[in-house]
């Protein structure tokens, strides 16, 4: 079998050269179009509708906030899953979209559905949409270590100095601190 392939290639040198060049060009085009990330984002596009309503129990939040928001979000095009949680003074509804949905378009869908159904929510609620982030958003972990300072001092230094400087970096949305006595 190999002898026949080699014989064919030697007998048809220009055809073989043309086929090899075609494969090289096709490979180069495919390589350029291939999205390569150091940390590929394999998470679905999702947004959260976060609603706060001070002084109301979880049952009220579920009945008067979470259920109407879920019903409103069920009309979003390209959504695949809606999940929610209701707690004291807080309702969080998460809407997942399919892989082909652009995150900016999905965010606009959520904004439109929320504004179209705002009249179904009670007055005095504070409703926000989560920012455009992904599960790969945690990119930096750091530890403060000192032989002289106590954990309380390190926590205070972090909260009043380091955290403010980290948040001033463009593109940083949040700085979650762990440690100290909290």
N, C-alpha and C. Protein backbone atom coordinates (compact mmCIF):
# COMPACT_ATOMS: atom_id res chain seq x y z
N UNK A 1 0.82 -1.18 0.00
CA UNK A 1 0.00 0.00 0.00
C UNK A 1 0.86 1.26 0.00
N UNK A 2 1.87 1.30 0.88
CA UNK A 2 2.76 2.46 0.96
C UNK A 2 3.52 2.62 -0.36
N UNK A 3 3.94 1.50 -0.97
CA UNK A 3 4.68 1.57 -2.23
C UNK A 3 3.82 2.22 -3.32
N UNK A 4 2.52 1.92 -3.35
CA UNK A 4 1.64 2.50 -4.36
C UNK A 4 1.48 4.01 -4.14
N UNK A 5 1.37 4.44 -2.89
CA UNK A 5 1.23 5.88 -2.59
C UNK A 5 2.50 6.62 -2.99
N UNK A 6 3.65 6.06 -2.66
CA UNK A 6 4.93 6.70 -3.02
C UNK A 6 5.09 6.74 -4.53
N UNK A 7 4.74 5.66 -5.18
CA UNK A 7 4.84 5.62 -6.65
C UNK A 7 3.93 6.66 -7.29
N UNK A 8 2.71 6.80 -6.76
CA UNK A 8 1.78 7.81 -7.28
C UNK A 8 2.33 9.22 -7.08
N UNK A 9 2.90 9.48 -5.90
CA UNK A 9 3.45 10.81 -5.61
C UNK A 9 4.64 11.11 -6.52
N UNK A 10 5.47 10.14 -6.77
CA UNK A 10 6.61 10.36 -7.65
C UNK A 10 6.18 10.54 -9.10
N UNK A 11 5.15 9.85 -9.50
CA UNK A 11 4.67 9.98 -10.88
C UNK A 11 3.92 11.29 -11.10
N UNK A 12 3.32 11.84 -10.05
CA UNK A 12 2.54 13.08 -10.15
C UNK A 12 3.09 14.13 -9.20
N UNK A 13 4.30 14.59 -9.47
CA UNK A 13 4.99 15.49 -8.55
C UNK A 13 4.26 16.82 -8.39
N UNK A 14 3.74 17.40 -9.45
CA UNK A 14 3.07 18.69 -9.36
C UNK A 14 1.76 18.58 -8.57
N UNK A 15 1.03 17.50 -8.79
CA UNK A 15 -0.21 17.28 -8.04
C UNK A 15 0.10 17.08 -6.56
N UNK A 16 1.15 16.35 -6.25
CA UNK A 16 1.54 16.13 -4.86
C UNK A 16 1.98 17.44 -4.21
N UNK A 17 2.78 18.23 -4.93
CA UNK A 17 3.23 19.51 -4.41
C UNK A 17 2.05 20.45 -4.18
N UNK A 18 1.10 20.47 -5.11
CA UNK A 18 -0.09 21.30 -4.97
C UNK A 18 -0.92 20.86 -3.75
N UNK A 19 -1.07 19.56 -3.52
CA UNK A 19 -1.83 19.04 -2.38
C UNK A 19 -1.15 19.40 -1.06
N UNK A 20 0.19 19.31 -1.02
CA UNK A 20 0.92 19.65 0.20
C UNK A 20 0.80 21.15 0.49
N UNK A 21 0.92 21.99 -0.53
CA UNK A 21 0.76 23.43 -0.33
C UNK A 21 -0.67 23.76 0.12
N UNK A 22 -1.65 23.09 -0.45
CA UNK A 22 -3.04 23.29 -0.03
C UNK A 22 -3.25 22.94 1.43
N UNK A 23 -2.66 21.83 1.87
CA UNK A 23 -2.76 21.44 3.27
C UNK A 23 -2.07 22.44 4.18
N UNK A 24 -0.92 22.96 3.77
CA UNK A 24 -0.21 23.97 4.57
C UNK A 24 -1.02 25.25 4.70
N UNK A 25 -1.59 25.72 3.60
CA UNK A 25 -2.40 26.94 3.65
C UNK A 25 -3.65 26.73 4.52
N UNK A 26 -4.31 25.60 4.33
CA UNK A 26 -5.49 25.29 5.14
C UNK A 26 -5.13 25.21 6.63
N UNK A 27 -4.01 24.60 6.96
CA UNK A 27 -3.56 24.52 8.35
C UNK A 27 -3.25 25.88 8.93
N UNK A 28 -2.61 26.75 8.14
CA UNK A 28 -2.29 28.09 8.62
C UNK A 28 -3.55 28.90 8.87
N UNK A 29 -4.53 28.81 7.97
CA UNK A 29 -5.79 29.54 8.14
C UNK A 29 -6.53 29.03 9.37
N UNK A 30 -6.59 27.74 9.54
CA UNK A 30 -7.27 27.17 10.71
C UNK A 30 -6.57 27.55 12.01
N UNK A 31 -5.24 27.58 11.99
CA UNK A 31 -4.49 27.95 13.18
C UNK A 31 -4.75 29.40 13.56
N UNK A 32 -4.83 30.29 12.58
CA UNK A 32 -5.11 31.70 12.85
C UNK A 32 -6.52 31.90 13.41
N UNK A 33 -7.47 31.08 12.97
CA UNK A 33 -8.86 31.22 13.41
C UNK A 33 -9.12 30.53 14.74
N UNK A 34 -8.20 29.72 15.23
CA UNK A 34 -8.39 28.97 16.46
C UNK A 34 -8.20 29.88 17.67
N UNK A 35 -9.23 30.04 18.51
CA UNK A 35 -9.06 30.87 19.70
C UNK A 35 -8.24 30.13 20.77
N UNK A 36 -7.11 30.68 21.12
CA UNK A 36 -6.24 30.05 22.10
C UNK A 36 -6.10 30.99 23.29
N UNK A 37 -6.47 30.50 24.48
CA UNK A 37 -6.34 31.26 25.71
C UNK A 37 -5.50 30.48 26.69
N UNK A 38 -4.81 31.21 27.56
CA UNK A 38 -4.06 30.53 28.60
C UNK A 38 -5.01 29.81 29.54
N UNK A 39 -6.14 30.46 29.85
CA UNK A 39 -7.19 29.87 30.68
C UNK A 39 -8.50 29.95 29.89
N UNK A 40 -8.82 28.94 29.11
CA UNK A 40 -10.04 29.02 28.30
C UNK A 40 -11.29 29.06 29.18
N UNK A 41 -12.22 29.91 28.80
CA UNK A 41 -13.47 30.06 29.55
C UNK A 41 -14.47 29.04 29.04
N UNK A 42 -14.67 27.98 29.81
CA UNK A 42 -15.58 26.92 29.38
C UNK A 42 -16.95 27.07 30.02
N UNK A 43 -17.14 28.12 30.76
CA UNK A 43 -18.41 28.36 31.44
C UNK A 43 -19.43 28.95 30.48
N UNK A 44 -20.70 28.65 30.72
CA UNK A 44 -21.76 29.25 29.92
C UNK A 44 -21.88 30.74 30.25
N UNK A 45 -22.42 31.50 29.31
CA UNK A 45 -22.72 32.90 29.58
C UNK A 45 -23.90 32.95 30.54
N UNK A 46 -23.74 33.68 31.64
CA UNK A 46 -24.84 33.80 32.59
C UNK A 46 -24.84 35.17 33.24
N UNK A 47 -26.01 35.58 33.68
CA UNK A 47 -26.16 36.83 34.41
C UNK A 47 -27.06 36.58 35.60
N UNK A 48 -26.89 37.40 36.63
CA UNK A 48 -27.71 37.29 37.82
C UNK A 48 -28.51 38.58 37.99
N UNK A 49 -29.78 38.41 38.32
CA UNK A 49 -30.62 39.54 38.70
C UNK A 49 -30.65 39.51 40.22
N UNK A 50 -30.03 40.51 40.84
CA UNK A 50 -29.90 40.58 42.29
C UNK A 50 -30.85 41.65 42.80
N UNK A 51 -31.78 41.25 43.66
CA UNK A 51 -32.79 42.18 44.16
C UNK A 51 -32.74 42.21 45.68
N UNK A 52 -32.69 43.41 46.23
CA UNK A 52 -32.72 43.60 47.67
C UNK A 52 -34.00 44.34 48.04
N UNK A 53 -34.61 43.90 49.11
CA UNK A 53 -35.84 44.52 49.60
C UNK A 53 -35.78 44.48 51.12
N UNK A 54 -35.29 45.54 51.74
CA UNK A 54 -35.05 45.54 53.18
C UNK A 54 -36.30 45.24 54.00
N UNK A 55 -36.09 44.42 55.02
CA UNK A 55 -37.12 44.13 56.00
C UNK A 55 -38.12 43.05 55.62
N UNK A 56 -37.86 42.26 54.59
CA UNK A 56 -38.81 41.25 54.16
C UNK A 56 -38.22 39.86 54.28
N UNK A 57 -39.07 38.93 54.68
CA UNK A 57 -38.65 37.55 54.92
C UNK A 57 -38.39 36.82 53.61
N UNK A 58 -37.75 35.67 53.71
CA UNK A 58 -37.43 34.87 52.53
C UNK A 58 -38.69 34.42 51.79
N UNK A 59 -39.76 34.12 52.53
CA UNK A 59 -41.00 33.70 51.88
C UNK A 59 -41.59 34.83 51.03
N UNK A 60 -41.56 36.05 51.56
CA UNK A 60 -42.04 37.20 50.79
C UNK A 60 -41.15 37.46 49.57
N UNK A 61 -39.87 37.34 49.76
CA UNK A 61 -38.93 37.55 48.64
C UNK A 61 -39.21 36.53 47.54
N UNK A 62 -39.45 35.29 47.92
CA UNK A 62 -39.73 34.24 46.93
C UNK A 62 -41.02 34.53 46.18
N UNK A 63 -42.07 34.86 46.91
CA UNK A 63 -43.40 35.03 46.30
C UNK A 63 -43.51 36.32 45.50
N UNK A 64 -42.97 37.43 46.03
CA UNK A 64 -43.18 38.73 45.41
C UNK A 64 -42.05 39.20 44.50
N UNK A 65 -40.86 38.61 44.64
CA UNK A 65 -39.71 39.06 43.83
C UNK A 65 -39.20 37.93 42.93
N UNK A 66 -38.79 36.82 43.53
CA UNK A 66 -38.11 35.77 42.78
C UNK A 66 -39.00 35.16 41.70
N UNK A 67 -40.21 34.78 42.05
CA UNK A 67 -41.10 34.15 41.07
C UNK A 67 -41.43 35.10 39.91
N UNK A 68 -41.81 36.38 40.16
CA UNK A 68 -42.04 37.27 39.02
C UNK A 68 -40.81 37.50 38.14
N UNK A 69 -39.63 37.57 38.75
CA UNK A 69 -38.41 37.75 37.95
C UNK A 69 -38.13 36.50 37.13
N UNK A 70 -38.32 35.31 37.72
CA UNK A 70 -38.14 34.07 36.96
C UNK A 70 -39.09 34.00 35.78
N UNK A 71 -40.34 34.37 36.01
CA UNK A 71 -41.33 34.36 34.92
C UNK A 71 -40.93 35.34 33.83
N UNK A 72 -40.46 36.52 34.23
CA UNK A 72 -40.04 37.51 33.24
C UNK A 72 -38.83 37.02 32.45
N UNK A 73 -37.87 36.39 33.12
CA UNK A 73 -36.65 35.94 32.45
C UNK A 73 -36.88 34.71 31.58
N UNK A 74 -37.98 34.00 31.80
CA UNK A 74 -38.25 32.83 30.97
C UNK A 74 -38.54 33.22 29.52
N UNK A 75 -38.77 34.50 29.27
CA UNK A 75 -38.97 34.97 27.91
C UNK A 75 -37.71 35.39 27.21
N UNK A 76 -36.56 35.30 27.87
CA UNK A 76 -35.28 35.68 27.25
C UNK A 76 -34.93 34.72 26.12
N UNK A 77 -34.60 35.24 24.95
CA UNK A 77 -34.17 34.35 23.87
C UNK A 77 -32.84 33.67 24.23
N UNK A 78 -32.68 32.45 23.81
CA UNK A 78 -31.45 31.65 23.94
C UNK A 78 -31.10 31.27 25.38
N UNK A 79 -32.02 31.44 26.34
CA UNK A 79 -31.68 31.00 27.69
C UNK A 79 -31.83 29.48 27.77
N UNK A 80 -30.99 28.86 28.57
CA UNK A 80 -31.03 27.41 28.72
C UNK A 80 -31.46 26.97 30.11
N UNK A 81 -31.23 27.82 31.11
CA UNK A 81 -31.52 27.43 32.49
C UNK A 81 -31.75 28.68 33.33
N UNK A 82 -32.71 28.60 34.23
CA UNK A 82 -32.95 29.67 35.20
C UNK A 82 -32.96 29.03 36.58
N UNK A 83 -32.12 29.54 37.48
CA UNK A 83 -32.12 29.04 38.85
C UNK A 83 -32.17 30.24 39.78
N UNK A 84 -32.62 30.01 41.00
CA UNK A 84 -32.80 31.14 41.91
C UNK A 84 -32.62 30.71 43.35
N UNK A 85 -32.44 31.73 44.17
CA UNK A 85 -32.41 31.53 45.61
C UNK A 85 -33.02 32.76 46.26
N UNK A 86 -33.74 32.54 47.34
CA UNK A 86 -34.37 33.63 48.07
C UNK A 86 -33.94 33.54 49.52
N UNK A 87 -33.50 34.66 50.05
CA UNK A 87 -33.08 34.73 51.44
C UNK A 87 -33.71 35.97 52.07
N UNK A 88 -33.45 36.18 53.34
CA UNK A 88 -33.95 37.36 54.03
C UNK A 88 -33.41 38.61 53.33
N UNK A 89 -34.31 39.44 52.81
CA UNK A 89 -34.00 40.70 52.12
C UNK A 89 -33.28 40.55 50.79
N UNK A 90 -33.10 39.32 50.27
CA UNK A 90 -32.29 39.12 49.07
C UNK A 90 -32.89 38.05 48.16
N UNK A 91 -32.91 38.36 46.86
CA UNK A 91 -33.32 37.41 45.84
C UNK A 91 -32.27 37.42 44.74
N UNK A 92 -31.81 36.22 44.33
CA UNK A 92 -30.83 36.11 43.26
C UNK A 92 -31.37 35.12 42.23
N UNK A 93 -31.57 35.60 41.01
CA UNK A 93 -32.04 34.77 39.91
C UNK A 93 -30.91 34.72 38.88
N UNK A 94 -30.44 33.51 38.55
CA UNK A 94 -29.36 33.31 37.60
C UNK A 94 -29.92 32.77 36.30
N UNK A 95 -29.57 33.43 35.19
CA UNK A 95 -30.04 33.02 33.87
C UNK A 95 -28.83 32.57 33.06
N UNK A 96 -28.83 31.30 32.62
CA UNK A 96 -27.76 30.76 31.77
C UNK A 96 -28.21 30.83 30.32
N UNK A 97 -27.27 31.14 29.42
CA UNK A 97 -27.54 31.22 28.00
C UNK A 97 -26.72 30.17 27.26
N UNK A 98 -27.13 29.84 26.03
CA UNK A 98 -26.39 28.85 25.26
C UNK A 98 -25.03 29.41 24.82
N UNK A 99 -24.18 28.51 24.32
CA UNK A 99 -22.80 28.88 24.01
C UNK A 99 -22.68 29.92 22.90
N UNK A 100 -23.63 29.95 21.98
CA UNK A 100 -23.53 30.84 20.84
C UNK A 100 -23.96 32.27 21.15
N UNK A 101 -24.54 32.51 22.31
CA UNK A 101 -25.05 33.83 22.65
C UNK A 101 -23.90 34.73 23.09
N UNK A 102 -23.79 35.88 22.45
CA UNK A 102 -22.79 36.87 22.82
C UNK A 102 -23.12 37.43 24.21
N UNK A 103 -22.14 37.57 25.09
CA UNK A 103 -22.43 38.06 26.45
C UNK A 103 -23.09 39.43 26.49
N UNK A 104 -22.72 40.32 25.59
CA UNK A 104 -23.31 41.66 25.59
C UNK A 104 -24.77 41.60 25.15
N UNK A 105 -25.07 40.72 24.19
CA UNK A 105 -26.45 40.55 23.74
C UNK A 105 -27.27 39.92 24.87
N UNK A 106 -26.71 38.93 25.56
CA UNK A 106 -27.42 38.28 26.66
C UNK A 106 -27.72 39.28 27.77
N UNK A 107 -26.76 40.14 28.06
CA UNK A 107 -26.98 41.16 29.09
C UNK A 107 -28.10 42.10 28.67
N UNK A 108 -28.15 42.44 27.40
CA UNK A 108 -29.22 43.31 26.91
C UNK A 108 -30.58 42.62 26.99
N UNK A 109 -30.62 41.32 26.69
CA UNK A 109 -31.87 40.56 26.84
C UNK A 109 -32.37 40.66 28.28
N UNK A 110 -31.46 40.45 29.24
CA UNK A 110 -31.84 40.48 30.65
C UNK A 110 -32.33 41.88 31.03
N UNK A 111 -31.62 42.91 30.59
CA UNK A 111 -32.04 44.29 30.90
C UNK A 111 -33.42 44.58 30.32
N UNK A 112 -33.65 44.18 29.08
CA UNK A 112 -34.94 44.44 28.44
C UNK A 112 -36.07 43.72 29.15
N UNK A 113 -35.87 42.45 29.47
CA UNK A 113 -36.92 41.69 30.14
C UNK A 113 -37.21 42.25 31.53
N UNK A 114 -36.16 42.71 32.20
CA UNK A 114 -36.33 43.26 33.54
C UNK A 114 -37.08 44.60 33.48
N UNK A 115 -36.72 45.45 32.53
CA UNK A 115 -37.39 46.75 32.43
C UNK A 115 -38.83 46.59 31.95
N UNK A 116 -39.09 45.61 31.08
CA UNK A 116 -40.46 45.38 30.61
C UNK A 116 -41.38 44.88 31.72
N UNK A 117 -40.81 44.20 32.71
CA UNK A 117 -41.62 43.62 33.79
C UNK A 117 -41.39 44.29 35.13
N UNK A 118 -40.81 45.49 35.14
CA UNK A 118 -40.54 46.19 36.39
C UNK A 118 -41.82 46.53 37.14
N UNK A 119 -42.92 46.69 36.44
CA UNK A 119 -44.18 47.04 37.10
C UNK A 119 -44.74 45.90 37.94
N UNK A 120 -44.28 44.67 37.69
CA UNK A 120 -44.78 43.54 38.47
C UNK A 120 -44.06 43.42 39.82
N UNK A 121 -43.02 44.22 40.04
CA UNK A 121 -42.29 44.18 41.31
C UNK A 121 -42.84 45.23 42.25
N UNK A 122 -42.82 44.96 43.55
CA UNK A 122 -43.32 45.94 44.52
C UNK A 122 -42.45 47.19 44.56
N UNK A 123 -43.01 48.32 44.98
CA UNK A 123 -42.20 49.53 45.10
C UNK A 123 -41.19 49.39 46.24
N UNK A 124 -40.04 50.04 46.07
CA UNK A 124 -39.01 50.03 47.11
C UNK A 124 -37.97 48.96 46.96
N UNK A 125 -38.03 48.15 45.90
CA UNK A 125 -37.02 47.12 45.70
C UNK A 125 -35.83 47.70 44.96
N UNK A 126 -34.67 47.18 45.23
CA UNK A 126 -33.44 47.61 44.56
C UNK A 126 -32.95 46.44 43.71
N UNK A 127 -33.10 46.57 42.38
CA UNK A 127 -32.76 45.48 41.47
C UNK A 127 -31.54 45.86 40.64
N UNK A 128 -30.57 44.95 40.56
CA UNK A 128 -29.37 45.15 39.77
C UNK A 128 -29.08 43.89 38.96
N UNK A 129 -28.30 44.07 37.90
CA UNK A 129 -27.84 42.95 37.09
C UNK A 129 -26.34 42.79 37.33
N UNK A 130 -25.91 41.56 37.48
CA UNK A 130 -24.49 41.32 37.73
C UNK A 130 -23.65 41.82 36.56
N UNK A 131 -22.41 42.10 36.85
CA UNK A 131 -21.50 42.58 35.81
C UNK A 131 -21.05 41.43 34.92
N UNK A 132 -20.44 41.77 33.81
CA UNK A 132 -19.99 40.78 32.83
C UNK A 132 -18.70 40.14 33.33
N UNK A 133 -18.84 38.98 33.96
CA UNK A 133 -17.68 38.24 34.47
C UNK A 133 -17.84 36.78 34.09
N UNK A 134 -16.82 36.00 34.38
CA UNK A 134 -16.90 34.57 34.13
C UNK A 134 -16.33 33.81 35.32
N UNK A 135 -16.46 32.51 35.27
CA UNK A 135 -15.94 31.69 36.36
C UNK A 135 -14.42 31.69 36.40
N UNK A 136 -13.79 32.13 35.33
CA UNK A 136 -12.33 32.19 35.27
C UNK A 136 -11.81 33.54 35.75
N UNK A 137 -12.64 34.29 36.42
CA UNK A 137 -12.30 35.66 36.80
C UNK A 137 -11.27 35.77 37.91
N UNK A 138 -11.09 34.74 38.71
CA UNK A 138 -10.11 34.82 39.78
C UNK A 138 -8.74 34.54 39.19
N UNK A 139 -7.95 35.58 39.07
CA UNK A 139 -6.66 35.39 38.43
C UNK A 139 -5.48 35.66 39.36
N UNK A 140 -5.74 36.19 40.55
CA UNK A 140 -4.63 36.51 41.43
C UNK A 140 -4.99 36.21 42.88
N UNK A 141 -4.15 35.45 43.51
CA UNK A 141 -4.26 35.21 44.94
C UNK A 141 -2.97 35.70 45.57
N UNK A 142 -3.08 36.37 46.70
CA UNK A 142 -1.88 36.83 47.39
C UNK A 142 -2.07 36.65 48.90
N UNK A 143 -0.96 36.59 49.60
CA UNK A 143 -0.96 36.38 51.03
C UNK A 143 -0.12 37.46 51.69
N UNK A 144 -0.64 38.03 52.74
CA UNK A 144 0.12 39.00 53.53
C UNK A 144 0.73 38.26 54.73
N UNK A 145 2.03 38.32 54.83
CA UNK A 145 2.74 37.63 55.91
C UNK A 145 3.64 38.63 56.61
N UNK A 146 3.62 38.60 57.93
CA UNK A 146 4.48 39.49 58.69
C UNK A 146 4.86 38.83 60.00
N UNK A 147 6.11 39.04 60.40
CA UNK A 147 6.55 38.53 61.70
C UNK A 147 6.18 39.49 62.82
N UNK A 148 5.95 40.76 62.46
CA UNK A 148 5.71 41.79 63.48
C UNK A 148 4.23 42.13 63.65
N UNK A 149 3.45 42.06 62.60
CA UNK A 149 2.05 42.50 62.66
C UNK A 149 1.12 41.34 63.00
N UNK A 150 0.06 41.66 63.70
CA UNK A 150 -0.95 40.66 64.05
C UNK A 150 -1.89 40.44 62.87
N UNK A 151 -2.68 39.35 62.88
CA UNK A 151 -3.66 39.15 61.81
C UNK A 151 -4.65 40.32 61.67
N UNK A 152 -5.00 40.94 62.80
CA UNK A 152 -5.91 42.10 62.75
C UNK A 152 -5.23 43.26 62.03
N UNK A 153 -3.96 43.50 62.31
CA UNK A 153 -3.24 44.58 61.64
C UNK A 153 -3.11 44.31 60.14
N UNK A 154 -2.82 43.07 59.78
CA UNK A 154 -2.72 42.73 58.36
C UNK A 154 -4.06 42.90 57.65
N UNK A 155 -5.14 42.49 58.31
CA UNK A 155 -6.47 42.64 57.73
C UNK A 155 -6.82 44.12 57.57
N UNK A 156 -6.51 44.93 58.55
CA UNK A 156 -6.77 46.37 58.46
C UNK A 156 -5.95 46.99 57.34
N UNK A 157 -4.69 46.61 57.25
CA UNK A 157 -3.82 47.15 56.20
C UNK A 157 -4.36 46.76 54.82
N UNK A 158 -4.80 45.50 54.71
CA UNK A 158 -5.37 45.05 53.44
C UNK A 158 -6.62 45.86 53.08
N UNK A 159 -7.55 46.00 54.04
CA UNK A 159 -8.82 46.66 53.75
C UNK A 159 -8.65 48.14 53.41
N UNK A 160 -7.71 48.82 54.06
CA UNK A 160 -7.60 50.27 53.89
C UNK A 160 -6.52 50.72 52.93
N UNK A 161 -5.60 49.85 52.58
CA UNK A 161 -4.52 50.25 51.67
C UNK A 161 -4.48 49.39 50.41
N UNK A 162 -4.25 48.10 50.59
CA UNK A 162 -4.01 47.22 49.44
C UNK A 162 -5.26 47.05 48.59
N UNK A 163 -6.40 46.82 49.22
CA UNK A 163 -7.63 46.59 48.47
C UNK A 163 -7.98 47.79 47.59
N UNK A 164 -7.83 48.99 48.11
CA UNK A 164 -8.14 50.20 47.33
C UNK A 164 -7.21 50.32 46.12
N UNK A 165 -5.97 49.96 46.28
CA UNK A 165 -5.03 50.04 45.15
C UNK A 165 -5.30 48.95 44.12
N UNK A 166 -5.68 47.76 44.57
CA UNK A 166 -6.01 46.68 43.64
C UNK A 166 -7.25 47.06 42.83
N UNK A 167 -8.25 47.63 43.49
CA UNK A 167 -9.49 48.01 42.80
C UNK A 167 -9.30 49.18 41.84
N UNK A 168 -8.21 49.94 42.00
CA UNK A 168 -7.97 51.06 41.08
C UNK A 168 -7.36 50.60 39.75
N UNK A 169 -6.98 49.34 39.66
CA UNK A 169 -6.43 48.80 38.41
C UNK A 169 -7.57 48.61 37.41
N UNK A 170 -7.42 49.10 36.17
CA UNK A 170 -8.49 48.94 35.18
C UNK A 170 -8.80 47.46 34.93
N UNK A 171 -10.10 47.13 34.91
CA UNK A 171 -10.53 45.76 34.65
C UNK A 171 -10.78 44.93 35.90
N UNK A 172 -10.37 45.41 37.07
CA UNK A 172 -10.59 44.68 38.32
C UNK A 172 -11.95 45.10 38.86
N UNK A 173 -12.83 44.11 39.05
CA UNK A 173 -14.18 44.39 39.52
C UNK A 173 -14.35 44.20 41.01
N UNK A 174 -13.58 43.30 41.61
CA UNK A 174 -13.80 42.96 42.99
C UNK A 174 -12.51 42.48 43.62
N UNK A 175 -12.40 42.67 44.90
CA UNK A 175 -11.28 42.16 45.68
C UNK A 175 -11.86 41.46 46.88
N UNK A 176 -11.87 40.14 46.86
CA UNK A 176 -12.44 39.35 47.96
C UNK A 176 -11.33 38.97 48.90
N UNK A 177 -11.49 39.39 50.16
CA UNK A 177 -10.43 39.09 51.12
C UNK A 177 -10.84 37.95 52.03
N UNK A 178 -9.87 37.16 52.40
CA UNK A 178 -10.04 36.05 53.31
C UNK A 178 -8.96 36.18 54.38
N UNK A 179 -9.29 35.85 55.59
CA UNK A 179 -8.28 35.84 56.62
C UNK A 179 -8.53 36.83 57.72
N UNK A 180 -7.51 37.01 58.56
CA UNK A 180 -7.69 37.84 59.74
C UNK A 180 -8.65 37.13 60.67
N UNK A 181 -9.48 37.90 61.37
CA UNK A 181 -10.48 37.31 62.24
C UNK A 181 -11.87 37.31 61.61
N UNK A 182 -11.94 37.54 60.27
CA UNK A 182 -13.25 37.53 59.59
C UNK A 182 -13.47 36.18 58.94
